[in-house]
Amino acid sequence: MKIRFKDRLEAVEWIADYVENEGQFEVLREQLNFNYIYESTYFLNIEENIGEVVSLDTNSKERR
């Protein structure tokens, strides 16, 4: 589903209301930025499952 917005503020507010967590917010915000850079319009392509950002720290030591 493609959702268009009149400006960035409207888009960010919609994202904040739609997502369940910060990871999903970041994914959609980045998609919004990417779409604007390459298409010069604010829109999102929403699928059933929203991706999430995961950070894996491979250098951390196990804490006890």
Protein backbone atom coordinates (compact mmCIF):
# COMPACT_ATOMS: atom_id res chain seq x y z
CA MET A 1 0.00 0.00 0.00
CA LYS A 2 1.44 3.39 -1.02
CA ILE A 3 0.70 6.31 1.30
CA ARG A 4 1.41 9.88 0.19
CA PHE A 5 1.89 12.88 2.47
CA LYS A 6 1.75 16.62 1.81
CA ASP A 7 4.90 17.30 3.88
CA ARG A 8 7.48 15.71 6.17
CA LEU A 9 5.71 16.68 9.39
CA GLU A 10 2.50 14.94 8.34
CA ALA A 11 4.51 11.85 7.39
CA VAL A 12 6.47 11.68 10.65
CA GLU A 13 3.31 12.13 12.71
CA TRP A 14 1.62 9.32 10.77
CA ILE A 15 4.63 7.05 11.28
CA ALA A 16 4.66 7.77 15.04
CA ASP A 17 0.98 6.84 15.29
CA TYR A 18 1.32 3.72 13.11
CA VAL A 19 4.40 1.90 14.44
CA GLU A 20 4.71 -0.31 17.49
CA ASN A 21 8.32 0.44 18.44
CA GLU A 22 11.36 2.63 17.79
CA GLY A 23 12.93 0.17 15.35
CA GLN A 24 9.91 0.31 13.07
CA PHE A 25 9.88 4.10 13.34
CA GLU A 26 13.50 4.28 12.16
CA VAL A 27 12.86 1.95 9.22
CA LEU A 28 9.89 3.96 7.97
CA ARG A 29 11.61 7.29 8.54
CA GLU A 30 14.58 6.14 6.49
CA GLN A 31 12.25 4.91 3.74
CA LEU A 32 10.55 8.32 3.78
CA ASN A 33 13.91 10.10 3.44
CA PHE A 34 15.04 7.79 0.64
CA ASN A 35 11.79 8.25 -1.28
CA TYR A 36 12.00 12.02 -0.97
CA ILE A 37 15.61 12.14 -2.15
CA TYR A 38 14.91 10.05 -5.27
CA GLU A 39 11.29 10.95 -6.04
CA SER A 40 10.97 14.48 -4.57
CA THR A 41 7.75 13.53 -2.84
CA TYR A 42 6.88 12.19 0.60
CA PHE A 43 5.45 8.69 0.49
CA LEU A 44 5.79 5.24 2.06
CA ASN A 45 5.29 1.77 0.68
CA ILE A 46 3.74 -0.14 3.57
CA GLU A 47 3.64 -3.94 3.68
CA GLU A 48 2.00 -6.19 6.24
CA ASN A 49 5.26 -6.75 8.11
CA ILE A 50 7.36 -3.67 8.85
CA GLY A 51 11.10 -4.28 9.03
CA GLU A 52 13.08 -3.46 12.13
CA VAL A 53 16.59 -2.26 12.86
CA VAL A 54 18.67 -4.63 14.94
CA SER A 55 22.05 -3.77 16.38
CA LEU A 56 24.39 -6.64 17.13
CA ASP A 57 27.46 -5.78 19.16
CA THR A 58 29.95 -8.53 18.42
CA ASN A 59 32.66 -6.93 20.56
CA SER A 60 30.79 -6.93 23.85
CA LYS A 61 31.89 -9.23 26.64
CA GLU A 62 29.44 -11.35 28.54
CA ARG A 63 28.37 -9.67 31.77
CA ARG A 64 27.75 -11.63 34.93
